[in-house]
Amino acid sequence: MTREVLFTLKAPYRDPLEITGFRFGKGEKACCIVGAVRGNEIQQQYVCSQLVRALRSLEGHGQIAQDNEILVIPSAGAGYSMNTGNRFWAVDHTDINRMFPGYDGGETTQRIADGIFRHVRDYSYGVQFASFYMPGDFVPHVRMMETGYQSTSLANLFGLPYVVIRPPRPYDTATLNYNWQLWHTNAFSVYTAATDQIDEPSARQAVDSVLRFLNRVGLVRYHCHNGYIASVIREDELVSVLSPTGGVYLSRKAPGSEVTRGETLAEITDPYTGESLARIPSPADGIIFFAYHQPLVMEHAVIYKIIKHAHGY
């Protein structure tokens, strides 16, 4: 293992921002794995740290394939925001993951994105531990955008329960995953159960899934169980449940839970009187895929996404 500072950005009133990478093996650029890009992605950085630990052990036992290099970047510019408790860049609230491929003469986050992308763009495989734009928890899954370069067969090699495919939206064209694919990297976004807190069981599952993938594409020798045969679903097939009103939010179901139509998913109460304002029923039989987890909720916010069972409503 070699530890390397990939990019440095000087700051006038504090230490320079350094983006550190860990290289395993030598040779062809085989796989790059990126962790936290946003300041609240604690779980994503933790998963990468555990992956560094595992790969270091594998390399020490000669279990990384010859003539191949694996690069792990636990924190891709998230350090400043993480230290100040902000999800986005602390100074101007811009999102580094909406700045790729970057511009070395642009705004701060554009220069950070450029500094990262120059190091990650030439790898055959790219894995990003990503987070959703809304606060909440997921069933662990692999997510891909339909760019014409996506491969669900490769996504199945992670052995996670689900592979989600969706068409890119205009703002997706500035994400790391999208730009990786434009550079002909097989890119995957891996979602664990948590973001701003550490969930050890799903972190272990995420580490195992990446090592399983690396084993199946011939980059490491790693013995583990086969994982899941993934169900491939399209994002527009998920049933969204919206909050009918704002208030104190009490969730009743966690991701992965089986639900039946009409079953209570959550309750919203008045923040002053404690009176129940709404009970939210499930609109379908299925499995909870995403669950909102903040104590307060706004009206018409997405609080659940459900994988509907094939027999319908």
C-alpha atoms as a PDB file:
ATOM      1  CA  MET A   1       0.000   0.000   0.000  1.00  0.00           C
ATOM      2  CA  THR A   2       1.205   3.477  -0.816  1.00  0.00           C
ATOM      3  CA  ARG A   3      -0.378   6.597   0.640  1.00  0.00           C
ATOM      4  CA  GLU A   4      -0.314   9.623  -1.641  1.00  0.00           C
ATOM      5  CA  VAL A   5      -1.609  13.192  -1.561  1.00  0.00           C
ATOM      6  CA  LEU A   6      -3.430  13.439  -4.892  1.00  0.00           C
ATOM      7  CA  PHE A   7      -4.496  17.072  -4.767  1.00  0.00           C
ATOM      8  CA  THR A   8      -3.751  20.068  -2.548  1.00  0.00           C
ATOM      9  CA  LEU A   9      -5.753  23.284  -2.332  1.00  0.00           C
ATOM     10  CA  LYS A  10      -4.236  26.152  -0.373  1.00  0.00           C
ATOM     11  CA  ALA A  11      -6.457  28.066   2.046  1.00  0.00           C
ATOM     12  CA  PRO A  12      -5.772  31.567   3.427  1.00  0.00           C
ATOM     13  CA  TYR A  13      -6.848  31.004   7.047  1.00  0.00           C
ATOM     14  CA  ARG A  14      -6.381  27.289   7.700  1.00  0.00           C
ATOM     15  CA  ASP A  15      -4.302  24.284   6.708  1.00  0.00           C
ATOM     16  CA  PRO A  16      -4.372  23.309   3.020  1.00  0.00           C
ATOM     17  CA  LEU A  17      -7.071  20.897   1.856  1.00  0.00           C
ATOM     18  CA  GLU A  18      -5.401  17.617   0.953  1.00  0.00           C
ATOM     19  CA  ILE A  19      -7.117  14.762  -0.861  1.00  0.00           C
ATOM     20  CA  THR A  20      -5.391  11.507   0.012  1.00  0.00           C
ATOM     21  CA  GLY A  21      -5.457   8.277  -1.953  1.00  0.00           C
ATOM     22  CA  PHE A  22      -4.323   4.748  -1.097  1.00  0.00           C
ATOM     23  CA  ARG A  23      -2.906   2.651  -3.927  1.00  0.00           C
ATOM     24  CA  PHE A  24      -2.815  -1.138  -3.849  1.00  0.00           C
ATOM     25  CA  GLY A  25      -0.895  -3.150  -6.417  1.00  0.00           C
ATOM     26  CA  LYS A  26       0.893  -1.759  -9.458  1.00  0.00           C
ATOM     27  CA  GLY A  27       0.175  -1.701 -13.159  1.00  0.00           C
ATOM     28  CA  GLU A  28      -2.980  -1.093 -15.165  1.00  0.00           C
ATOM     29  CA  LYS A  29      -5.516   1.275 -13.603  1.00  0.00           C
ATOM     30  CA  ALA A  30      -8.135  -1.295 -12.711  1.00  0.00           C
ATOM     31  CA  CYS A  31     -10.519   0.090 -10.078  1.00  0.00           C
ATOM     32  CA  CYS A  32     -11.017   3.372  -8.237  1.00  0.00           C
ATOM     33  CA  ILE A  33     -13.198   3.598  -5.125  1.00  0.00           C
ATOM     34  CA  VAL A  34     -14.379   6.976  -3.806  1.00  0.00           C
ATOM     35  CA  GLY A  35     -15.929   7.647  -0.403  1.00  0.00           C
ATOM     36  CA  ALA A  36     -17.228  10.886   1.106  1.00  0.00           C
ATOM     37  CA  VAL A  37     -17.740  13.789  -1.302  1.00  0.00           C
ATOM     38  CA  ARG A  38     -20.154  15.653   0.985  1.00  0.00           C
ATOM     39  CA  GLY A  39     -19.649  16.744   4.554  1.00  0.00           C
ATOM     40  CA  ASN A  40     -22.319  14.540   6.129  1.00  0.00           C
ATOM     41  CA  GLU A  41     -21.203  11.319   4.429  1.00  0.00           C
ATOM     42  CA  ILE A  42     -19.752   9.807   7.600  1.00  0.00           C
ATOM     43  CA  GLN A  43     -20.830   6.260   6.755  1.00  0.00           C
ATOM     44  CA  GLN A  44     -19.295   6.510   3.278  1.00  0.00           C
ATOM     45  CA  GLN A  45     -15.920   7.556   4.659  1.00  0.00           C
ATOM     46  CA  TYR A  46     -16.074   4.858   7.332  1.00  0.00           C
ATOM     47  CA  VAL A  47     -16.783   2.168   4.732  1.00  0.00           C
ATOM     48  CA  CYS A  48     -13.780   3.324   2.696  1.00  0.00           C
ATOM     49  CA  SER A  49     -11.552   3.232   5.768  1.00  0.00           C
ATOM     50  CA  GLN A  50     -12.575  -0.373   6.396  1.00  0.00           C
ATOM     51  CA  LEU A  51     -11.953  -1.161   2.739  1.00  0.00           C
ATOM     52  CA  VAL A  52      -8.437   0.300   2.993  1.00  0.00           C
ATOM     53  CA  ARG A  53      -7.841  -1.929   5.998  1.00  0.00           C
ATOM     54  CA  ALA A  54      -9.112  -5.032   4.169  1.00  0.00           C
ATOM     55  CA  LEU A  55      -7.159  -4.348   0.967  1.00  0.00           C
ATOM     56  CA  ARG A  56      -3.991  -3.723   2.952  1.00  0.00           C
ATOM     57  CA  SER A  57      -4.379  -7.161   4.528  1.00  0.00           C
ATOM     58  CA  LEU A  58      -5.057  -8.798   1.151  1.00  0.00           C
ATOM     59  CA  GLU A  59      -2.022  -7.113  -0.374  1.00  0.00           C
ATOM     60  CA  GLY A  60       0.127  -8.273   2.530  1.00  0.00           C
ATOM     61  CA  HIS A  61      -0.897 -11.856   1.775  1.00  0.00           C
ATOM     62  CA  GLY A  62      -0.271 -11.502  -1.973  1.00  0.00           C
ATOM     63  CA  GLN A  63      -3.971 -11.656  -2.839  1.00  0.00           C
ATOM     64  CA  ILE A  64      -4.131  -8.681  -5.219  1.00  0.00           C
ATOM     65  CA  ALA A  65      -3.764  -9.586  -8.900  1.00  0.00           C
ATOM     66  CA  GLN A  66      -0.477  -8.703 -10.542  1.00  0.00           C
ATOM     67  CA  ASP A  67      -0.223  -5.781 -12.973  1.00  0.00           C
ATOM     68  CA  ASN A  68      -3.369  -4.136 -11.601  1.00  0.00           C
ATOM     69  CA  GLU A  69      -3.817  -1.066  -9.427  1.00  0.00           C
ATOM     70  CA  ILE A  70      -6.675  -0.260  -7.060  1.00  0.00           C
ATOM     71  CA  LEU A  71      -7.039   3.318  -5.806  1.00  0.00           C
ATOM     72  CA  VAL A  72      -9.158   4.175  -2.744  1.00  0.00           C
ATOM     73  CA  ILE A  73     -10.007   7.803  -1.890  1.00  0.00           C
ATOM     74  CA  PRO A  74     -11.826   7.806   1.491  1.00  0.00           C
ATOM     75  CA  SER A  75     -12.623  11.544   1.431  1.00  0.00           C
ATOM     76  CA  ALA A  76     -12.865  13.432  -1.853  1.00  0.00           C
ATOM     77  CA  GLY A  77     -12.896  17.000  -0.589  1.00  0.00           C
ATOM     78  CA  ALA A  78     -15.445  16.487   2.198  1.00  0.00           C
ATOM     79  CA  GLY A  79     -13.045  17.273   5.054  1.00  0.00           C
ATOM     80  CA  TYR A  80     -13.737  21.008   5.380  1.00  0.00           C
ATOM     81  CA  SER A  81     -17.509  20.526   5.306  1.00  0.00           C
ATOM     82  CA  MET A  82     -17.326  17.564   7.678  1.00  0.00           C
ATOM     83  CA  ASN A  83     -15.369  19.598  10.220  1.00  0.00           C
ATOM     84  CA  THR A  84     -18.001  22.351  10.188  1.00  0.00           C
ATOM     85  CA  GLY A  85     -21.026  20.042  10.106  1.00  0.00           C
ATOM     86  CA  ASN A  86     -22.184  21.037   6.616  1.00  0.00           C
ATOM     87  CA  ARG A  87     -23.336  18.687   3.863  1.00  0.00           C
ATOM     88  CA  PHE A  88     -22.112  21.005   1.110  1.00  0.00           C
ATOM     89  CA  TRP A  89     -18.989  23.153   0.734  1.00  0.00           C
ATOM     90  CA  ALA A  90     -18.963  25.264   3.883  1.00  0.00           C
ATOM     91  CA  VAL A  91     -18.162  28.631   2.273  1.00  0.00           C
ATOM     92  CA  ASP A  92     -20.740  28.868  -0.530  1.00  0.00           C
ATOM     93  CA  HIS A  93     -22.856  25.701  -0.064  1.00  0.00           C
ATOM     94  CA  THR A  94     -21.991  24.306  -3.493  1.00  0.00           C
ATOM     95  CA  ASP A  95     -21.970  20.554  -4.076  1.00  0.00           C
ATOM     96  CA  ILE A  96     -18.690  18.995  -5.243  1.00  0.00           C
ATOM     97  CA  ASN A  97     -20.681  16.128  -6.760  1.00  0.00           C
ATOM     98  CA  ARG A  98     -22.402  18.618  -9.076  1.00  0.00           C
ATOM     99  CA  MET A  99     -19.103  20.025 -10.388  1.00  0.00           C
ATOM    100  CA  PHE A 100     -17.550  17.180 -12.397  1.00  0.00           C
ATOM    101  CA  PRO A 101     -15.497  16.906 -14.544  1.00  0.00           C
ATOM    102  CA  GLY A 102     -14.354  20.158 -12.950  1.00  0.00           C
ATOM    103  CA  TYR A 103     -12.429  23.184 -14.170  1.00  0.00           C
ATOM    104  CA  ASP A 104      -8.979  24.098 -12.891  1.00  0.00           C
ATOM    105  CA  GLY A 105      -9.629  27.817 -13.359  1.00  0.00           C
ATOM    106  CA  GLY A 106     -13.117  27.873 -11.856  1.00  0.00           C
ATOM    107  CA  GLU A 107     -14.721  28.169  -8.445  1.00  0.00           C
ATOM    108  CA  THR A 108     -13.261  26.305  -5.474  1.00  0.00           C
ATOM    109  CA  THR A 109     -15.473  23.229  -5.798  1.00  0.00           C
ATOM    110  CA  GLN A 110     -14.867  23.126  -9.573  1.00  0.00           C
ATOM    111  CA  ARG A 111     -11.115  23.057  -8.936  1.00  0.00           C
ATOM    112  CA  ILE A 112     -11.519  20.304  -6.338  1.00  0.00           C
ATOM    113  CA  ALA A 113     -13.609  18.255  -8.782  1.00  0.00           C
ATOM    114  CA  ASP A 114     -10.996  18.793 -11.493  1.00  0.00           C
ATOM    115  CA  GLY A 115      -8.191  17.726  -9.143  1.00  0.00           C
ATOM    116  CA  ILE A 116     -10.075  14.541  -8.243  1.00  0.00           C
ATOM    117  CA  PHE A 117     -11.219  13.649 -11.751  1.00  0.00           C
ATOM    118  CA  ARG A 118      -7.733  13.887 -13.244  1.00  0.00           C
ATOM    119  CA  HIS A 119      -6.725  11.006 -10.956  1.00  0.00           C
ATOM    120  CA  VAL A 120      -9.832   8.804 -11.253  1.00  0.00           C
ATOM    121  CA  ARG A 121     -10.950   9.107 -14.878  1.00  0.00           C
ATOM    122  CA  ASP A 122      -8.746   6.416 -16.469  1.00  0.00           C
ATOM    123  CA  TYR A 123      -9.791   3.414 -14.380  1.00  0.00           C
ATOM    124  CA  SER A 124     -11.700   0.460 -15.838  1.00  0.00           C
ATOM    125  CA  TYR A 125     -14.088   0.305 -12.870  1.00  0.00           C
ATOM    126  CA  GLY A 126     -15.312   3.100 -10.627  1.00  0.00           C
ATOM    127  CA  VAL A 127     -17.213   2.671  -7.356  1.00  0.00           C
ATOM    128  CA  GLN A 128     -18.631   5.603  -5.409  1.00  0.00           C
ATOM    129  CA  PHE A 129     -20.203   5.254  -1.970  1.00  0.00           C
ATOM    130  CA  ALA A 130     -22.977   7.762  -2.502  1.00  0.00           C
ATOM    131  CA  SER A 131     -25.792   9.357  -0.504  1.00  0.00           C
ATOM    132  CA  PHE A 132     -29.311  10.470  -1.394  1.00  0.00           C
ATOM    133  CA  TYR A 133     -30.359  14.116  -1.640  1.00  0.00           C
ATOM    134  CA  MET A 134     -33.006  13.554   1.061  1.00  0.00           C
ATOM    135  CA  PRO A 135     -32.209  12.461   4.638  1.00  0.00           C
ATOM    136  CA  GLY A 136     -33.125   8.848   5.165  1.00  0.00           C
ATOM    137  CA  ASP A 137     -32.074   5.214   5.065  1.00  0.00           C
ATOM    138  CA  PHE A 138     -31.997   2.742   2.189  1.00  0.00           C
ATOM    139  CA  VAL A 139     -31.972  -0.951   1.579  1.00  0.00           C
ATOM    140  CA  PRO A 140     -28.344  -1.471   0.433  1.00  0.00           C
ATOM    141  CA  HIS A 141     -28.208  -1.403  -3.354  1.00  0.00           C
ATOM    142  CA  VAL A 142     -26.233  -0.476  -6.453  1.00  0.00           C
ATOM    143  CA  ARG A 143     -27.500   2.448  -8.518  1.00  0.00           C
ATOM    144  CA  MET A 144     -26.723   3.168 -12.162  1.00  0.00           C
ATOM    145  CA  MET A 145     -27.699   5.822 -14.683  1.00  0.00           C
ATOM    146  CA  GLU A 146     -28.784   4.952 -18.220  1.00  0.00           C
ATOM    147  CA  THR A 147     -26.031   6.564 -20.256  1.00  0.00           C
ATOM    148  CA  GLY A 148     -25.588   3.781 -22.792  1.00  0.00           C
ATOM    149  CA  TYR A 149     -22.485   2.567 -20.960  1.00  0.00           C
ATOM    150  CA  GLN A 150     -24.189   0.955 -17.956  1.00  0.00           C
ATOM    151  CA  SER A 151     -23.975  -2.799 -17.336  1.00  0.00           C
ATOM    152  CA  THR A 152     -26.477  -4.472 -15.021  1.00  0.00           C
ATOM    153  CA  SER A 153     -24.606  -7.775 -15.350  1.00  0.00           C
ATOM    154  CA  LEU A 154     -21.520  -6.161 -13.791  1.00  0.00           C
ATOM    155  CA  ALA A 155     -23.673  -4.490 -11.111  1.00  0.00           C
ATOM    156  CA  ASN A 156     -24.977  -7.933 -10.140  1.00  0.00           C
ATOM    157  CA  LEU A 157     -21.439  -8.963  -9.211  1.00  0.00           C
ATOM    158  CA  PHE A 158     -21.641  -6.898  -6.002  1.00  0.00           C
ATOM    159  CA  GLY A 159     -24.167  -9.379  -4.623  1.00  0.00           C
ATOM    160  CA  LEU A 160     -26.389  -6.682  -3.087  1.00  0.00           C
ATOM    161  CA  PRO A 161     -30.177  -7.204  -2.974  1.00  0.00           C
ATOM    162  CA  TYR A 162     -31.096  -4.615  -5.620  1.00  0.00           C
ATOM    163  CA  VAL A 163     -29.762  -2.850  -8.696  1.00  0.00           C
ATOM    164  CA  VAL A 164     -31.624   0.388  -9.475  1.00  0.00           C
ATOM    165  CA  ILE A 165     -31.514   1.955 -12.929  1.00  0.00           C
ATOM    166  CA  ARG A 166     -32.750   5.407 -13.806  1.00  0.00           C
ATOM    167  CA  PRO A 167     -32.445   7.841 -16.712  1.00  0.00           C
ATOM    168  CA  PRO A 168     -30.092  10.771 -16.022  1.00  0.00           C
ATOM    169  CA  ARG A 169     -31.595  14.169 -15.263  1.00  0.00           C
ATOM    170  CA  PRO A 170     -29.920  17.395 -16.453  1.00  0.00           C
ATOM    171  CA  TYR A 171     -28.154  17.986 -13.126  1.00  0.00           C
ATOM    172  CA  ASP A 172     -26.733  14.441 -13.211  1.00  0.00           C
ATOM    173  CA  THR A 173     -24.418  15.402 -16.062  1.00  0.00           C
ATOM    174  CA  ALA A 174     -22.119  17.070 -13.508  1.00  0.00           C
ATOM    175  CA  THR A 175     -21.864  14.067 -11.160  1.00  0.00           C
ATOM    176  CA  LEU A 176     -18.858  11.792 -10.771  1.00  0.00           C
ATOM    177  CA  ASN A 177     -20.786   8.680 -11.816  1.00  0.00           C
ATOM    178  CA  TYR A 178     -22.044  10.227 -15.060  1.00  0.00           C
ATOM    179  CA  ASN A 179     -18.650  11.619 -16.068  1.00  0.00           C
ATOM    180  CA  TRP A 180     -16.936   8.348 -15.244  1.00  0.00           C
ATOM    181  CA  GLN A 181     -19.244   6.641 -17.723  1.00  0.00           C
ATOM    182  CA  LEU A 182     -18.528   9.249 -20.405  1.00  0.00           C
ATOM    183  CA  TRP A 183     -14.848   8.317 -20.015  1.00  0.00           C
ATOM    184  CA  HIS A 184     -15.830   4.660 -20.537  1.00  0.00           C
ATOM    185  CA  THR A 185     -15.373   3.653 -16.908  1.00  0.00           C
ATOM    186  CA  ASN A 186     -17.842   1.049 -15.660  1.00  0.00           C
ATOM    187  CA  ALA A 187     -19.257   3.199 -12.857  1.00  0.00           C
ATOM    188  CA  PHE A 188     -21.416   2.154  -9.913  1.00  0.00           C
ATOM    189  CA  SER A 189     -22.929   4.071  -7.000  1.00  0.00           C
ATOM    190  CA  VAL A 190     -23.236   1.908  -3.884  1.00  0.00           C
ATOM    191  CA  TYR A 191     -25.768   2.960  -1.236  1.00  0.00           C
ATOM    192  CA  THR A 192     -25.618   1.625   2.313  1.00  0.00           C
ATOM    193  CA  ALA A 193     -28.284   1.915   5.003  1.00  0.00           C
ATOM    194  CA  ALA A 194     -27.012   5.181   6.521  1.00  0.00           C
ATOM    195  CA  THR A 195     -25.276   8.473   5.734  1.00  0.00           C
ATOM    196  CA  ASP A 196     -24.643  10.813   8.671  1.00  0.00           C
ATOM    197  CA  GLN A 197     -24.185   8.067  11.259  1.00  0.00           C
ATOM    198  CA  ILE A 198     -22.280   4.795  11.261  1.00  0.00           C
ATOM    199  CA  ASP A 199     -24.275   1.624  10.703  1.00  0.00           C
ATOM    200  CA  GLU A 200     -21.752  -1.181  11.193  1.00  0.00           C
ATOM    201  CA  PRO A 201     -23.803  -4.099   9.775  1.00  0.00           C
ATOM    202  CA  SER A 202     -24.479  -2.293   6.488  1.00  0.00           C
ATOM    203  CA  ALA A 203     -20.880  -0.991   6.428  1.00  0.00           C
ATOM    204  CA  ARG A 204     -19.601  -4.575   6.631  1.00  0.00           C
ATOM    205  CA  GLN A 205     -22.057  -5.549   3.910  1.00  0.00           C
ATOM    206  CA  ALA A 206     -20.762  -2.721   1.705  1.00  0.00           C
ATOM    207  CA  VAL A 207     -17.118  -3.710   2.231  1.00  0.00           C
ATOM    208  CA  ASP A 208     -17.941  -7.347   1.458  1.00  0.00           C
ATOM    209  CA  SER A 209     -19.866  -6.321  -1.664  1.00  0.00           C
ATOM    210  CA  VAL A 210     -16.914  -4.385  -3.091  1.00  0.00           C
ATOM    211  CA  LEU A 211     -14.432  -7.150  -2.249  1.00  0.00           C
ATOM    212  CA  ARG A 212     -16.848  -9.646  -3.812  1.00  0.00           C
ATOM    213  CA  PHE A 213     -16.974  -7.512  -6.961  1.00  0.00           C
ATOM    214  CA  LEU A 214     -13.179  -7.181  -7.090  1.00  0.00           C
ATOM    215  CA  ASN A 215     -12.858 -10.945  -6.668  1.00  0.00           C
ATOM    216  CA  ARG A 216     -15.345 -11.673  -9.448  1.00  0.00           C
ATOM    217  CA  VAL A 217     -13.632  -9.365 -11.944  1.00  0.00           C
ATOM    218  CA  GLY A 218     -10.280 -10.950 -11.122  1.00  0.00           C
ATOM    219  CA  LEU A 219      -8.578  -8.125  -9.227  1.00  0.00           C
ATOM    220  CA  VAL A 220      -8.297  -9.788  -5.795  1.00  0.00           C
ATOM    221  CA  ARG A 221      -8.571 -13.255  -4.308  1.00  0.00           C
ATOM    222  CA  TYR A 222     -11.204 -13.003  -1.606  1.00  0.00           C
ATOM    223  CA  HIS A 223     -13.368 -15.816  -0.265  1.00  0.00           C
ATOM    224  CA  CYS A 224     -16.864 -14.888   0.897  1.00  0.00           C
ATOM    225  CA  HIS A 225     -20.452 -16.016   0.485  1.00  0.00           C
ATOM    226  CA  ASN A 226     -22.119 -15.386  -2.857  1.00  0.00           C
ATOM    227  CA  GLY A 227     -24.398 -12.611  -1.660  1.00  0.00           C
ATOM    228  CA  TYR A 228     -27.758 -11.956  -3.276  1.00  0.00           C
ATOM    229  CA  ILE A 229     -28.970 -12.529  -6.808  1.00  0.00           C
ATOM    230  CA  ALA A 230     -29.960  -8.910  -7.316  1.00  0.00           C
ATOM    231  CA  SER A 231     -33.400  -7.796  -8.423  1.00  0.00           C
ATOM    232  CA  VAL A 232     -33.063  -5.154 -11.147  1.00  0.00           C
ATOM    233  CA  ILE A 233     -35.640  -2.389 -10.792  1.00  0.00           C
ATOM    234  CA  ARG A 234     -36.208   0.961 -12.443  1.00  0.00           C
ATOM    235  CA  GLU A 235     -36.513   3.994 -10.207  1.00  0.00           C
ATOM    236  CA  ASP A 236     -39.831   4.997 -11.789  1.00  0.00           C
ATOM    237  CA  GLU A 237     -41.263   1.656 -10.612  1.00  0.00           C
ATOM    238  CA  LEU A 238     -40.828   2.667  -6.963  1.00  0.00           C
ATOM    239  CA  VAL A 239     -43.989   3.925  -5.253  1.00  0.00           C
ATOM    240  CA  SER A 240     -43.374   7.242  -3.472  1.00  0.00           C
ATOM    241  CA  VAL A 241     -45.304   8.044  -0.287  1.00  0.00           C
ATOM    242  CA  LEU A 242     -45.706  11.766   0.499  1.00  0.00           C
ATOM    243  CA  SER A 243     -46.415  13.385   3.844  1.00  0.00           C
ATOM    244  CA  PRO A 244     -49.916  14.938   3.867  1.00  0.00           C
ATOM    245  CA  THR A 245     -48.925  17.644   6.359  1.00  0.00           C
ATOM    246  CA  GLY A 246     -45.974  18.972   8.317  1.00  0.00           C
ATOM    247  CA  GLY A 247     -45.173  18.265  11.958  1.00  0.00           C
ATOM    248  CA  VAL A 248     -43.339  15.867  14.257  1.00  0.00           C
ATOM    249  CA  TYR A 249     -42.575  12.734  12.277  1.00  0.00           C
ATOM    250  CA  LEU A 250     -42.819   9.255  13.834  1.00  0.00           C
ATOM    251  CA  SER A 251     -41.658   6.492  11.509  1.00  0.00           C
ATOM    252  CA  ARG A 252     -43.109   3.014  12.031  1.00  0.00           C
ATOM    253  CA  LYS A 253     -41.288   1.017   9.336  1.00  0.00           C
ATOM    254  CA  ALA A 254     -37.599   0.548   8.513  1.00  0.00           C
ATOM    255  CA  PRO A 255     -35.995  -0.192   5.129  1.00  0.00           C
ATOM    256  CA  GLY A 256     -36.374  -3.841   4.178  1.00  0.00           C
ATOM    257  CA  SER A 257     -39.689  -4.232   6.025  1.00  0.00           C
ATOM    258  CA  GLU A 258     -42.539  -6.047   4.295  1.00  0.00           C
ATOM    259  CA  VAL A 259     -45.728  -3.971   4.268  1.00  0.00           C
ATOM    260  CA  THR A 260     -49.295  -4.543   3.152  1.00  0.00           C
ATOM    261  CA  ARG A 261     -51.662  -2.071   1.588  1.00  0.00           C
ATOM    262  CA  GLY A 262     -53.338   0.048   4.275  1.00  0.00           C
ATOM    263  CA  GLU A 263     -50.765  -0.761   6.966  1.00  0.00           C
ATOM    264  CA  THR A 264     -49.602   2.290   8.954  1.00  0.00           C
ATOM    265  CA  LEU A 265     -46.157   3.471   7.851  1.00  0.00           C
ATOM    266  CA  ALA A 266     -45.822   6.621   9.946  1.00  0.00           C
ATOM    267  CA  GLU A 267     -47.646   9.145  12.091  1.00  0.00           C
ATOM    268  CA  ILE A 268     -47.380  12.934  12.124  1.00  0.00           C
ATOM    269  CA  THR A 269     -48.259  14.808  15.318  1.00  0.00           C
ATOM    270  CA  ASP A 270     -48.775  18.455  16.214  1.00  0.00           C
ATOM    271  CA  PRO A 271     -45.524  19.888  17.670  1.00  0.00           C
ATOM    272  CA  TYR A 272     -47.466  21.936  20.278  1.00  0.00           C
ATOM    273  CA  THR A 273     -50.390  19.765  21.369  1.00  0.00           C
ATOM    274  CA  GLY A 274     -49.161  16.261  20.531  1.00  0.00           C
ATOM    275  CA  GLU A 275     -52.422  15.634  18.690  1.00  0.00           C
ATOM    276  CA  SER A 276     -52.203  13.133  15.852  1.00  0.00           C
ATOM    277  CA  LEU A 277     -52.480  15.039  12.571  1.00  0.00           C
ATOM    278  CA  ALA A 278     -52.135  12.131  10.160  1.00  0.00           C
ATOM    279  CA  ARG A 279     -51.522   8.430   9.938  1.00  0.00           C
ATOM    280  CA  ILE A 280     -49.895   7.475   6.657  1.00  0.00           C
ATOM    281  CA  PRO A 281     -51.029   4.122   5.217  1.00  0.00           C
ATOM    282  CA  SER A 282     -49.084   2.055   2.715  1.00  0.00           C
ATOM    283  CA  PRO A 283     -50.520   2.515  -0.792  1.00  0.00           C
ATOM    284  CA  ALA A 284     -49.366  -0.952  -1.888  1.00  0.00           C
ATOM    285  CA  ASP A 285     -48.111  -4.355  -0.839  1.00  0.00           C
ATOM    286  CA  GLY A 286     -44.335  -4.393  -1.037  1.00  0.00           C
ATOM    287  CA  ILE A 287     -40.969  -3.792   0.605  1.00  0.00           C
ATOM    288  CA  ILE A 288     -39.749  -0.523   2.121  1.00  0.00           C
ATOM    289  CA  PHE A 289     -36.844   0.635  -0.056  1.00  0.00           C
ATOM    290  CA  PHE A 290     -36.273   4.113   1.392  1.00  0.00           C
ATOM    291  CA  ALA A 291     -37.397   5.593   4.712  1.00  0.00           C
ATOM    292  CA  TYR A 292     -37.142   9.256   5.752  1.00  0.00           C
ATOM    293  CA  HIS A 293     -35.678   9.545   9.252  1.00  0.00           C
ATOM    294  CA  GLN A 294     -35.708  13.167  10.431  1.00  0.00           C
ATOM    295  CA  PRO A 295     -37.787  14.147  13.517  1.00  0.00           C
ATOM    296  CA  LEU A 296     -39.605  16.935  11.653  1.00  0.00           C
ATOM    297  CA  VAL A 297     -41.212  16.698   8.239  1.00  0.00           C
ATOM    298  CA  MET A 298     -42.570  19.213   5.736  1.00  0.00           C
ATOM    299  CA  GLU A 299     -45.812  18.815   3.835  1.00  0.00           C
ATOM    300  CA  HIS A 300     -45.509  16.806   0.584  1.00  0.00           C
ATOM    301  CA  ALA A 301     -42.040  15.472   1.432  1.00  0.00           C
ATOM    302  CA  VAL A 302     -41.149  11.970   0.228  1.00  0.00           C
ATOM    303  CA  ILE A 303     -41.114   9.835   3.382  1.00  0.00           C
ATOM    304  CA  TYR A 304     -41.043   6.342   1.880  1.00  0.00           C
ATOM    305  CA  LYS A 305     -40.290   4.602  -1.375  1.00  0.00           C
ATOM    306  CA  ILE A 306     -41.777   1.143  -1.773  1.00  0.00           C
ATOM    307  CA  ILE A 307     -40.879  -1.717  -4.103  1.00  0.00           C
ATOM    308  CA  LYS A 308     -44.331  -2.840  -5.114  1.00  0.00           C
ATOM    309  CA  HIS A 309     -45.012  -6.577  -5.231  1.00  0.00           C
ATOM    310  CA  ALA A 310     -45.800  -7.922  -8.684  1.00  0.00           C
ATOM    311  CA  HIS A 311     -49.440  -8.686  -7.877  1.00  0.00           C
ATOM    312  CA  GLY A 312     -50.094  -4.927  -7.608  1.00  0.00           C
ATOM    313  CA  TYR A 313     -52.366  -2.954  -5.338  1.00  0.00           C
END
